[in-house]
Amino acid sequence: MGIAAFCLAYAGFAALCLGMDRHYEAVFDRELPRQHRTPLRVFGWVALALSLFASANVWGWSYGTVEWIGILTLAGLTLIWFVSYRPAPALAAGGLCAVAAPVLAWV
């Protein structure tokens, strides 16, 4: 479940990243359509909230919140480093993490 929390955090940050004009243009070579902006941002925040619930489910709310902040830090730094060098694969990995998170939570 801890890996699922990391995957949800990474997917959330990747969606929030794609919700920005600059990163969307770097990946897709076109302007961010207005109708894509809100769903990407909503998915990003929902994925981060689900990551918090996954952490709290494993470690309880008191320690789970602290663990979640560490997971956010690790996921954010990984995404920042990855986007700096390879933006398209970094954000594609966010999509893979979004698909893998429910499977990892179930296992």
PDB file of N, CA and C in Angstrom:
ATOM      1  N   MET A   1       0.812  -1.188   0.000  1.00  0.00           N
ATOM      2  CA  MET A   1       0.000   0.000   0.000  1.00  0.00           C
ATOM      3  C   MET A   1       0.861   1.260   0.000  1.00  0.00           C
ATOM      4  N   GLY A   2       2.067   1.182   0.556  1.00  0.00           N
ATOM      5  CA  GLY A   2       2.972   2.328   0.531  1.00  0.00           C
ATOM      6  C   GLY A   2       3.417   2.659  -0.873  1.00  0.00           C
ATOM      7  N   ILE A   3       3.627   1.630  -1.683  1.00  0.00           N
ATOM      8  CA  ILE A   3       4.001   1.856  -3.085  1.00  0.00           C
ATOM      9  C   ILE A   3       2.813   2.454  -3.834  1.00  0.00           C
ATOM     10  N   ALA A   4       1.618   2.035  -3.507  1.00  0.00           N
ATOM     11  CA  ALA A   4       0.417   2.613  -4.124  1.00  0.00           C
ATOM     12  C   ALA A   4       0.299   4.092  -3.774  1.00  0.00           C
ATOM     13  N   ALA A   5       0.626   4.451  -2.532  1.00  0.00           N
ATOM     14  CA  ALA A   5       0.583   5.861  -2.127  1.00  0.00           C
ATOM     15  C   ALA A   5       1.596   6.668  -2.925  1.00  0.00           C
ATOM     16  N   PHE A   6       2.789   6.105  -3.132  1.00  0.00           N
ATOM     17  CA  PHE A   6       3.793   6.790  -3.944  1.00  0.00           C
ATOM     18  C   PHE A   6       3.312   6.942  -5.381  1.00  0.00           C
ATOM     19  N   CYS A   7       2.743   5.886  -5.946  1.00  0.00           N
ATOM     20  CA  CYS A   7       2.253   5.948  -7.330  1.00  0.00           C
ATOM     21  C   CYS A   7       1.141   6.983  -7.471  1.00  0.00           C
ATOM     22  N   LEU A   8       0.243   7.045  -6.503  1.00  0.00           N
ATOM     23  CA  LEU A   8      -0.823   8.046  -6.548  1.00  0.00           C
ATOM     24  C   LEU A   8      -0.258   9.460  -6.437  1.00  0.00           C
ATOM     25  N   ALA A   9       0.731   9.642  -5.585  1.00  0.00           N
ATOM     26  CA  ALA A   9       1.345  10.964  -5.447  1.00  0.00           C
ATOM     27  C   ALA A   9       2.057  11.361  -6.735  1.00  0.00           C
ATOM     28  N   TYR A  10       2.791  10.434  -7.331  1.00  0.00           N
ATOM     29  CA  TYR A  10       3.494  10.727  -8.582  1.00  0.00           C
ATOM     30  C   TYR A  10       2.492  11.039  -9.694  1.00  0.00           C
ATOM     31  N   ALA A  11       1.427  10.243  -9.787  1.00  0.00           N
ATOM     32  CA  ALA A  11       0.404  10.474 -10.807  1.00  0.00           C
ATOM     33  C   ALA A  11      -0.285  11.820 -10.582  1.00  0.00           C
ATOM     34  N   GLY A  12      -0.533  12.168  -9.347  1.00  0.00           N
ATOM     35  CA  GLY A  12      -1.152  13.451  -9.040  1.00  0.00           C
ATOM     36  C   GLY A  12      -0.276  14.622  -9.431  1.00  0.00           C
ATOM     37  N   PHE A  13       0.992  14.533  -9.084  1.00  0.00           N
ATOM     38  CA  PHE A  13       1.915  15.598  -9.467  1.00  0.00           C
ATOM     39  C   PHE A  13       2.080  15.669 -10.987  1.00  0.00           C
ATOM     40  N   ALA A  14       2.087  14.524 -11.653  1.00  0.00           N
ATOM     41  CA  ALA A  14       2.203  14.523 -13.116  1.00  0.00           C
ATOM     42  C   ALA A  14       0.976  15.171 -13.755  1.00  0.00           C
ATOM     43  N   ALA A  15      -0.207  14.897 -13.219  1.00  0.00           N
ATOM     44  CA  ALA A  15      -1.426  15.514 -13.756  1.00  0.00           C
ATOM     45  C   ALA A  15      -1.415  17.025 -13.513  1.00  0.00           C
ATOM     46  N   LEU A  16      -0.991  17.435 -12.326  1.00  0.00           N
ATOM     47  CA  LEU A  16      -0.895  18.871 -12.054  1.00  0.00           C
ATOM     48  C   LEU A  16       0.138  19.527 -12.961  1.00  0.00           C
ATOM     49  N   CYS A  17       1.195  18.805 -13.233  1.00  0.00           N
ATOM     50  CA  CYS A  17       2.243  19.296 -14.133  1.00  0.00           C
ATOM     51  C   CYS A  17       1.686  19.469 -15.550  1.00  0.00           C
ATOM     52  N   LEU A  18       0.925  18.479 -16.019  1.00  0.00           N
ATOM     53  CA  LEU A  18       0.330  18.576 -17.354  1.00  0.00           C
ATOM     54  C   LEU A  18      -0.743  19.656 -17.416  1.00  0.00           C
ATOM     55  N   GLY A  19      -1.295  20.020 -16.299  1.00  0.00           N
ATOM     56  CA  GLY A  19      -2.290  21.078 -16.252  1.00  0.00           C
ATOM     57  C   GLY A  19      -1.698  22.469 -16.426  1.00  0.00           C
ATOM     58  N   MET A  20      -0.378  22.558 -16.530  1.00  0.00           N
ATOM     59  CA  MET A  20       0.311  23.830 -16.749  1.00  0.00           C
ATOM     60  C   MET A  20       0.663  23.959 -18.227  1.00  0.00           C
ATOM     61  N   ASP A  21       0.494  25.162 -18.765  1.00  0.00           N
ATOM     62  CA  ASP A  21       0.741  25.398 -20.187  1.00  0.00           C
ATOM     63  C   ASP A  21       2.141  24.982 -20.619  1.00  0.00           C
ATOM     64  N   ARG A  22       3.112  25.386 -19.848  1.00  0.00           N
ATOM     65  CA  ARG A  22       4.518  25.155 -20.205  1.00  0.00           C
ATOM     66  C   ARG A  22       4.850  23.676 -20.364  1.00  0.00           C
ATOM     67  N   HIS A  23       4.421  22.859 -19.420  1.00  0.00           N
ATOM     68  CA  HIS A  23       4.740  21.436 -19.469  1.00  0.00           C
ATOM     69  C   HIS A  23       3.905  20.709 -20.514  1.00  0.00           C
ATOM     70  N   TYR A  24       2.669  21.123 -20.688  1.00  0.00           N
ATOM     71  CA  TYR A  24       1.813  20.508 -21.710  1.00  0.00           C
ATOM     72  C   TYR A  24       2.417  20.745 -23.096  1.00  0.00           C
ATOM     73  N   GLU A  25       2.878  21.970 -23.348  1.00  0.00           N
ATOM     74  CA  GLU A  25       3.496  22.284 -24.637  1.00  0.00           C
ATOM     75  C   GLU A  25       4.794  21.525 -24.848  1.00  0.00           C
ATOM     76  N   ALA A  26       5.549  21.283 -23.788  1.00  0.00           N
ATOM     77  CA  ALA A  26       6.802  20.535 -23.911  1.00  0.00           C
ATOM     78  C   ALA A  26       6.553  19.090 -24.317  1.00  0.00           C
ATOM     79  N   VAL A  27       5.443  18.533 -23.890  1.00  0.00           N
ATOM     80  CA  VAL A  27       5.141  17.135 -24.186  1.00  0.00           C
ATOM     81  C   VAL A  27       4.409  16.989 -25.519  1.00  0.00           C
ATOM     82  N   PHE A  28       3.386  17.798 -25.733  1.00  0.00           N
ATOM     83  CA  PHE A  28       2.502  17.608 -26.888  1.00  0.00           C
ATOM     84  C   PHE A  28       2.761  18.578 -28.035  1.00  0.00           C
ATOM     85  N   ASP A  29       3.653  19.522 -27.853  1.00  0.00           N
ATOM     86  CA  ASP A  29       4.011  20.491 -28.893  1.00  0.00           C
ATOM     87  C   ASP A  29       2.822  21.330 -29.377  1.00  0.00           C
ATOM     88  N   ARG A  30       1.885  21.572 -28.507  1.00  0.00           N
ATOM     89  CA  ARG A  30       0.748  22.441 -28.817  1.00  0.00           C
ATOM     90  C   ARG A  30       0.236  23.050 -27.528  1.00  0.00           C
ATOM     91  N   GLU A  31      -0.628  24.041 -27.679  1.00  0.00           N
ATOM     92  CA  GLU A  31      -1.158  24.744 -26.519  1.00  0.00           C
ATOM     93  C   GLU A  31      -2.141  23.867 -25.748  1.00  0.00           C
ATOM     94  N   LEU A  32      -2.174  24.065 -24.448  1.00  0.00           N
ATOM     95  CA  LEU A  32      -3.091  23.323 -23.585  1.00  0.00           C
ATOM     96  C   LEU A  32      -4.524  23.756 -23.852  1.00  0.00           C
ATOM     97  N   PRO A  33      -5.392  22.824 -24.323  1.00  0.00           N
ATOM     98  CA  PRO A  33      -6.797  23.203 -24.526  1.00  0.00           C
ATOM     99  C   PRO A  33      -7.470  23.524 -23.191  1.00  0.00           C
ATOM    100  N   ARG A  34      -8.348  24.494 -23.235  1.00  0.00           N
ATOM    101  CA  ARG A  34      -9.023  24.926 -22.016  1.00  0.00           C
ATOM    102  C   ARG A  34      -9.825  23.825 -21.356  1.00  0.00           C
ATOM    103  N   GLN A  35     -10.425  22.949 -22.164  1.00  0.00           N
ATOM    104  CA  GLN A  35     -11.262  21.889 -21.597  1.00  0.00           C
ATOM    105  C   GLN A  35     -10.437  20.789 -20.937  1.00  0.00           C
ATOM    106  N   HIS A  36      -9.130  20.749 -21.154  1.00  0.00           N
ATOM    107  CA  HIS A  36      -8.273  19.748 -20.513  1.00  0.00           C
ATOM    108  C   HIS A  36      -7.697  20.238 -19.191  1.00  0.00           C
ATOM    109  N   ARG A  37      -7.633  21.529 -19.030  1.00  0.00           N
ATOM    110  CA  ARG A  37      -6.973  22.106 -17.854  1.00  0.00           C
ATOM    111  C   ARG A  37      -7.658  21.704 -16.545  1.00  0.00           C
ATOM    112  N   THR A  38      -8.945  21.886 -16.442  1.00  0.00           N
ATOM    113  CA  THR A  38      -9.659  21.593 -15.195  1.00  0.00           C
ATOM    114  C   THR A  38      -9.658  20.105 -14.858  1.00  0.00           C
ATOM    115  N   PRO A  39      -9.955  19.197 -15.806  1.00  0.00           N
ATOM    116  CA  PRO A  39      -9.899  17.773 -15.442  1.00  0.00           C
ATOM    117  C   PRO A  39      -8.511  17.308 -14.995  1.00  0.00           C
ATOM    118  N   LEU A  40      -7.463  17.829 -15.603  1.00  0.00           N
ATOM    119  CA  LEU A  40      -6.112  17.453 -15.184  1.00  0.00           C
ATOM    120  C   LEU A  40      -5.844  17.922 -13.757  1.00  0.00           C
ATOM    121  N   ARG A  41      -6.236  19.126 -13.452  1.00  0.00           N
ATOM    122  CA  ARG A  41      -6.000  19.643 -12.105  1.00  0.00           C
ATOM    123  C   ARG A  41      -6.849  18.922 -11.065  1.00  0.00           C
ATOM    124  N   VAL A  42      -8.089  18.635 -11.409  1.00  0.00           N
ATOM    125  CA  VAL A  42      -8.957  17.905 -10.473  1.00  0.00           C
ATOM    126  C   VAL A  42      -8.397  16.511 -10.223  1.00  0.00           C
ATOM    127  N   PHE A  43      -7.995  15.809 -11.307  1.00  0.00           N
ATOM    128  CA  PHE A  43      -7.412  14.477 -11.130  1.00  0.00           C
ATOM    129  C   PHE A  43      -6.158  14.540 -10.275  1.00  0.00           C
ATOM    130  N   GLY A  44      -5.337  15.556 -10.481  1.00  0.00           N
ATOM    131  CA  GLY A  44      -4.117  15.696  -9.689  1.00  0.00           C
ATOM    132  C   GLY A  44      -4.396  15.829  -8.206  1.00  0.00           C
ATOM    133  N   TRP A  45      -5.345  16.698  -7.852  1.00  0.00           N
ATOM    134  CA  TRP A  45      -5.662  16.883  -6.433  1.00  0.00           C
ATOM    135  C   TRP A  45      -6.344  15.664  -5.837  1.00  0.00           C
ATOM    136  N   VAL A  46      -7.192  15.010  -6.619  1.00  0.00           N
ATOM    137  CA  VAL A  46      -7.850  13.795  -6.114  1.00  0.00           C
ATOM    138  C   VAL A  46      -6.824  12.688  -5.890  1.00  0.00           C
ATOM    139  N   ALA A  47      -5.877  12.551  -6.808  1.00  0.00           N
ATOM    140  CA  ALA A  47      -4.836  11.526  -6.650  1.00  0.00           C
ATOM    141  C   ALA A  47      -3.982  11.804  -5.413  1.00  0.00           C
ATOM    142  N   LEU A  48      -3.667  13.064  -5.151  1.00  0.00           N
ATOM    143  CA  LEU A  48      -2.903  13.394  -3.946  1.00  0.00           C
ATOM    144  C   LEU A  48      -3.708  13.094  -2.681  1.00  0.00           C
ATOM    145  N   ALA A  49      -5.000  13.370  -2.709  1.00  0.00           N
ATOM    146  CA  ALA A  49      -5.847  13.058  -1.548  1.00  0.00           C
ATOM    147  C   ALA A  49      -5.949  11.550  -1.337  1.00  0.00           C
ATOM    148  N   LEU A  50      -6.080  10.799  -2.428  1.00  0.00           N
ATOM    149  CA  LEU A  50      -6.120   9.338  -2.308  1.00  0.00           C
ATOM    150  C   LEU A  50      -4.800   8.790  -1.787  1.00  0.00           C
ATOM    151  N   SER A  51      -3.716   9.453  -2.147  1.00  0.00           N
ATOM    152  CA  SER A  51      -2.408   9.059  -1.622  1.00  0.00           C
ATOM    153  C   SER A  51      -2.365   9.239  -0.104  1.00  0.00           C
ATOM    154  N   LEU A  52      -2.944  10.322   0.384  1.00  0.00           N
ATOM    155  CA  LEU A  52      -3.015  10.542   1.832  1.00  0.00           C
ATOM    156  C   LEU A  52      -3.839   9.444   2.502  1.00  0.00           C
ATOM    157  N   PHE A  53      -4.967   9.094   1.921  1.00  0.00           N
ATOM    158  CA  PHE A  53      -5.805   8.041   2.509  1.00  0.00           C
ATOM    159  C   PHE A  53      -5.107   6.687   2.470  1.00  0.00           C
ATOM    160  N   ALA A  54      -4.348   6.427   1.419  1.00  0.00           N
ATOM    161  CA  ALA A  54      -3.605   5.166   1.346  1.00  0.00           C
ATOM    162  C   ALA A  54      -2.541   5.110   2.437  1.00  0.00           C
ATOM    163  N   SER A  55      -1.845   6.222   2.654  1.00  0.00           N
ATOM    164  CA  SER A  55      -0.833   6.265   3.721  1.00  0.00           C
ATOM    165  C   SER A  55      -1.477   6.112   5.089  1.00  0.00           C
ATOM    166  N   ALA A  56      -2.592   6.793   5.307  1.00  0.00           N
ATOM    167  CA  ALA A  56      -3.266   6.707   6.597  1.00  0.00           C
ATOM    168  C   ALA A  56      -3.834   5.317   6.829  1.00  0.00           C
ATOM    169  N   ASN A  57      -4.209   4.638   5.764  1.00  0.00           N
ATOM    170  CA  ASN A  57      -4.734   3.283   5.894  1.00  0.00           C
ATOM    171  C   ASN A  57      -3.658   2.315   6.378  1.00  0.00           C
ATOM    172  N   VAL A  58      -2.439   2.529   5.966  1.00  0.00           N
ATOM    173  CA  VAL A  58      -1.344   1.637   6.349  1.00  0.00           C
ATOM    174  C   VAL A  58      -0.807   1.975   7.737  1.00  0.00           C
ATOM    175  N   TRP A  59      -0.511   3.260   7.993  1.00  0.00           N
ATOM    176  CA  TRP A  59       0.197   3.637   9.201  1.00  0.00           C
ATOM    177  C   TRP A  59      -0.655   4.369  10.225  1.00  0.00           C
ATOM    178  N   GLY A  60      -1.921   4.567   9.957  1.00  0.00           N
ATOM    179  CA  GLY A  60      -2.750   5.364  10.864  1.00  0.00           C
ATOM    180  C   GLY A  60      -2.616   6.843  10.532  1.00  0.00           C
ATOM    181  N   TRP A  61      -3.529   7.649  11.058  1.00  0.00           N
ATOM    182  CA  TRP A  61      -3.539   9.057  10.673  1.00  0.00           C
ATOM    183  C   TRP A  61      -2.363   9.839  11.232  1.00  0.00           C
ATOM    184  N   SER A  62      -1.929   9.551  12.423  1.00  0.00           N
ATOM    185  CA  SER A  62      -0.850  10.362  12.997  1.00  0.00           C
ATOM    186  C   SER A  62       0.480  10.119  12.290  1.00  0.00           C
ATOM    187  N   TYR A  63       0.891   8.880  12.187  1.00  0.00           N
ATOM    188  CA  TYR A  63       2.154   8.585  11.520  1.00  0.00           C
ATOM    189  C   TYR A  63       1.978   8.570   9.999  1.00  0.00           C
ATOM    190  N   GLY A  64       0.800   8.229   9.516  1.00  0.00           N
ATOM    191  CA  GLY A  64       0.539   8.186   8.077  1.00  0.00           C
ATOM    192  C   GLY A  64       0.673   9.546   7.424  1.00  0.00           C
ATOM    193  N   THR A  65       0.287  10.596   8.128  1.00  0.00           N
ATOM    194  CA  THR A  65       0.420  11.943   7.589  1.00  0.00           C
ATOM    195  C   THR A  65       1.885  12.328   7.427  1.00  0.00           C
ATOM    196  N   VAL A  66       2.690  11.972   8.408  1.00  0.00           N
ATOM    197  CA  VAL A  66       4.124  12.245   8.328  1.00  0.00           C
ATOM    198  C   VAL A  66       4.750  11.442   7.192  1.00  0.00           C
ATOM    199  N   GLU A  67       4.365  10.190   7.096  1.00  0.00           N
ATOM    200  CA  GLU A  67       4.866   9.330   6.018  1.00  0.00           C
ATOM    201  C   GLU A  67       4.429   9.871   4.656  1.00  0.00           C
ATOM    202  N   TRP A  68       3.211  10.393   4.578  1.00  0.00           N
ATOM    203  CA  TRP A  68       2.683  10.940   3.330  1.00  0.00           C
ATOM    204  C   TRP A  68       3.488  12.151   2.874  1.00  0.00           C
ATOM    205  N   ILE A  69       3.898  12.987   3.821  1.00  0.00           N
ATOM    206  CA  ILE A  69       4.717  14.146   3.463  1.00  0.00           C
ATOM    207  C   ILE A  69       6.054  13.688   2.891  1.00  0.00           C
ATOM    208  N   GLY A  70       6.616  12.631   3.451  1.00  0.00           N
ATOM    209  CA  GLY A  70       7.839  12.066   2.884  1.00  0.00           C
ATOM    210  C   GLY A  70       7.613  11.492   1.496  1.00  0.00           C
ATOM    211  N   ILE A  71       6.483  10.833   1.299  1.00  0.00           N
ATOM    212  CA  ILE A  71       6.144  10.279  -0.016  1.00  0.00           C
ATOM    213  C   ILE A  71       5.964  11.408  -1.025  1.00  0.00           C
ATOM    214  N   LEU A  72       5.293  12.487  -0.609  1.00  0.00           N
ATOM    215  CA  LEU A  72       5.125  13.640  -1.498  1.00  0.00           C
ATOM    216  C   LEU A  72       6.472  14.223  -1.892  1.00  0.00           C
ATOM    217  N   THR A  73       7.368  14.322  -0.937  1.00  0.00           N
ATOM    218  CA  THR A  73       8.693  14.861  -1.215  1.00  0.00           C
ATOM    219  C   THR A  73       9.426  13.985  -2.217  1.00  0.00           C
ATOM    220  N   LEU A  74       9.420  12.690  -1.994  1.00  0.00           N
ATOM    221  CA  LEU A  74      10.104  11.768  -2.896  1.00  0.00           C
ATOM    222  C   LEU A  74       9.480  11.777  -4.286  1.00  0.00           C
ATOM    223  N   ALA A  75       8.155  11.749  -4.368  1.00  0.00           N
ATOM    224  CA  ALA A  75       7.479  11.754  -5.665  1.00  0.00           C
ATOM    225  C   ALA A  75       7.713  13.072  -6.398  1.00  0.00           C
ATOM    226  N   GLY A  76       7.646  14.177  -5.680  1.00  0.00           N
ATOM    227  CA  GLY A  76       7.868  15.480  -6.299  1.00  0.00           C
ATOM    228  C   GLY A  76       9.278  15.648  -6.821  1.00  0.00           C
ATOM    229  N   LEU A  77      10.252  15.257  -6.018  1.00  0.00           N
ATOM    230  CA  LEU A  77      11.639  15.371  -6.463  1.00  0.00           C
ATOM    231  C   LEU A  77      11.938  14.445  -7.642  1.00  0.00           C
ATOM    232  N   THR A  78      11.363  13.256  -7.618  1.00  0.00           N
ATOM    233  CA  THR A  78      11.542  12.337  -8.742  1.00  0.00           C
ATOM    234  C   THR A  78      10.962  12.926 -10.011  1.00  0.00           C
ATOM    235  N   LEU A  79       9.770  13.485  -9.923  1.00  0.00           N
ATOM    236  CA  LEU A  79       9.140  14.079 -11.098  1.00  0.00           C
ATOM    237  C   LEU A  79       9.914  15.296 -11.587  1.00  0.00           C
ATOM    238  N   ILE A  80      10.348  16.147 -10.688  1.00  0.00           N
ATOM    239  CA  ILE A  80      11.110  17.337 -11.085  1.00  0.00           C
ATOM    240  C   ILE A  80      12.392  16.934 -11.812  1.00  0.00           C
ATOM    241  N   TRP A  81      13.096  15.961 -11.266  1.00  0.00           N
ATOM    242  CA  TRP A  81      14.329  15.516 -11.897  1.00  0.00           C
ATOM    243  C   TRP A  81      14.053  14.899 -13.268  1.00  0.00           C
ATOM    244  N   PHE A  82      13.036  14.072 -13.332  1.00  0.00           N
ATOM    245  CA  PHE A  82      12.691  13.362 -14.567  1.00  0.00           C
ATOM    246  C   PHE A  82      12.177  14.329 -15.635  1.00  0.00           C
ATOM    247  N   VAL A  83      11.350  15.298 -15.255  1.00  0.00           N
ATOM    248  CA  VAL A  83      10.799  16.267 -16.219  1.00  0.00           C
ATOM    249  C   VAL A  83      11.895  17.163 -16.779  1.00  0.00           C
ATOM    250  N   SER A  84      12.916  17.424 -15.989  1.00  0.00           N
ATOM    251  CA  SER A  84      14.000  18.282 -16.457  1.00  0.00           C
ATOM    252  C   SER A  84      14.732  17.684 -17.646  1.00  0.00           C
ATOM    253  N   TYR A  85      14.847  16.390 -17.688  1.00  0.00           N
ATOM    254  CA  TYR A  85      15.621  15.737 -18.746  1.00  0.00           C
ATOM    255  C   TYR A  85      14.753  15.086 -19.809  1.00  0.00           C
ATOM    256  N   ARG A  86      13.672  14.453 -19.434  1.00  0.00           N
ATOM    257  CA  ARG A  86      12.796  13.749 -20.369  1.00  0.00           C
ATOM    258  C   ARG A  86      11.339  14.020 -20.010  1.00  0.00           C
ATOM    259  N   PRO A  87      10.762  15.135 -20.475  1.00  0.00           N
ATOM    260  CA  PRO A  87       9.405  15.472 -20.039  1.00  0.00           C
ATOM    261  C   PRO A  87       8.337  14.477 -20.490  1.00  0.00           C
ATOM    262  N   ALA A  88       8.398  14.009 -21.713  1.00  0.00           N
ATOM    263  CA  ALA A  88       7.340  13.103 -22.192  1.00  0.00           C
ATOM    264  C   ALA A  88       7.330  11.780 -21.423  1.00  0.00           C
ATOM    265  N   PRO A  89       8.468  11.087 -21.285  1.00  0.00           N
ATOM    266  CA  PRO A  89       8.432   9.841 -20.505  1.00  0.00           C
ATOM    267  C   PRO A  89       8.095  10.059 -19.026  1.00  0.00           C
ATOM    268  N   ALA A  90       8.491  11.203 -18.478  1.00  0.00           N
ATOM    269  CA  ALA A  90       8.197  11.476 -17.073  1.00  0.00           C
ATOM    270  C   ALA A  90       6.700  11.565 -16.840  1.00  0.00           C
ATOM    271  N   LEU A  91       6.005  12.233 -17.729  1.00  0.00           N
ATOM    272  CA  LEU A  91       4.571  12.392 -17.559  1.00  0.00           C
ATOM    273  C   LEU A  91       3.816  11.146 -17.999  1.00  0.00           C
ATOM    274  N   ALA A  92       4.382  10.384 -18.932  1.00  0.00           N
ATOM    275  CA  ALA A  92       3.787   9.094 -19.284  1.00  0.00           C
ATOM    276  C   ALA A  92       3.884   8.127 -18.105  1.00  0.00           C
ATOM    277  N   ALA A  93       4.976   8.210 -17.366  1.00  0.00           N
ATOM    278  CA  ALA A  93       5.126   7.378 -16.173  1.00  0.00           C
ATOM    279  C   ALA A  93       4.051   7.719 -15.143  1.00  0.00           C
ATOM    280  N   GLY A  94       3.608   8.965 -15.126  1.00  0.00           N
ATOM    281  CA  GLY A  94       2.513   9.347 -14.246  1.00  0.00           C
ATOM    282  C   GLY A  94       1.227   8.622 -14.609  1.00  0.00           C
ATOM    283  N   GLY A  95       0.979   8.475 -15.898  1.00  0.00           N
ATOM    284  CA  GLY A  95      -0.189   7.718 -16.337  1.00  0.00           C
ATOM    285  C   GLY A  95      -0.087   6.256 -15.966  1.00  0.00           C
ATOM    286  N   LEU A  96       1.101   5.694 -16.119  1.00  0.00           N
ATOM    287  CA  LEU A  96       1.309   4.295 -15.719  1.00  0.00           C
ATOM    288  C   LEU A  96       1.124   4.118 -14.220  1.00  0.00           C
ATOM    289  N   CYS A  97       1.592   5.081 -13.461  1.00  0.00           N
ATOM    290  CA  CYS A  97       1.412   5.020 -12.002  1.00  0.00           C
ATOM    291  C   CYS A  97      -0.064   5.103 -11.632  1.00  0.00           C
ATOM    292  N   ALA A  98      -0.827   5.912 -12.371  1.00  0.00           N
ATOM    293  CA  ALA A  98      -2.259   6.023 -12.082  1.00  0.00           C
ATOM    294  C   ALA A  98      -2.967   4.699 -12.332  1.00  0.00           C
ATOM    295  N   VAL A  99      -2.525   3.968 -13.342  1.00  0.00           N
ATOM    296  CA  VAL A  99      -3.124   2.665 -13.649  1.00  0.00           C
ATOM    297  C   VAL A  99      -2.643   1.607 -12.659  1.00  0.00           C
ATOM    298  N   ALA A 100      -1.377   1.693 -12.263  1.00  0.00           N
ATOM    299  CA  ALA A 100      -0.789   0.679 -11.389  1.00  0.00           C
ATOM    300  C   ALA A 100      -1.213   0.821  -9.929  1.00  0.00           C
ATOM    301  N   ALA A 101      -1.571   2.015  -9.495  1.00  0.00           N
ATOM    302  CA  ALA A 101      -1.871   2.245  -8.083  1.00  0.00           C
ATOM    303  C   ALA A 101      -3.006   1.376  -7.553  1.00  0.00           C
ATOM    304  N   PRO A 102      -4.133   1.258  -8.252  1.00  0.00           N
ATOM    305  CA  PRO A 102      -5.190   0.371  -7.706  1.00  0.00           C
ATOM    306  C   PRO A 102      -4.767  -1.084  -7.631  1.00  0.00           C
ATOM    307  N   VAL A 103      -3.976  -1.511  -8.603  1.00  0.00           N
ATOM    308  CA  VAL A 103      -3.487  -2.898  -8.598  1.00  0.00           C
ATOM    309  C   VAL A 103      -2.551  -3.106  -7.401  1.00  0.00           C
ATOM    310  N   LEU A 104      -1.654  -2.149  -7.180  1.00  0.00           N
ATOM    311  CA  LEU A 104      -0.722  -2.265  -6.069  1.00  0.00           C
ATOM    312  C   LEU A 104      -1.436  -2.167  -4.717  1.00  0.00           C
ATOM    313  N   ALA A 105      -2.490  -1.380  -4.642  1.00  0.00           N
ATOM    314  CA  ALA A 105      -3.249  -1.274  -3.396  1.00  0.00           C
ATOM    315  C   ALA A 105      -3.991  -2.576  -3.101  1.00  0.00           C
ATOM    316  N   TRP A 106      -4.414  -3.246  -4.116  1.00  0.00           N
ATOM    317  CA  TRP A 106      -5.156  -4.492  -3.952  1.00  0.00           C
ATOM    318  C   TRP A 106      -4.243  -5.640  -3.549  1.00  0.00           C
ATOM    319  N   VAL A 107      -3.008  -5.610  -4.026  1.00  0.00           N
ATOM    320  CA  VAL A 107      -2.055  -6.689  -3.739  1.00  0.00           C
ATOM    321  C   VAL A 107      -1.513  -6.538  -2.401  1.00  0.00           C
TER     322      VAL A 107
END
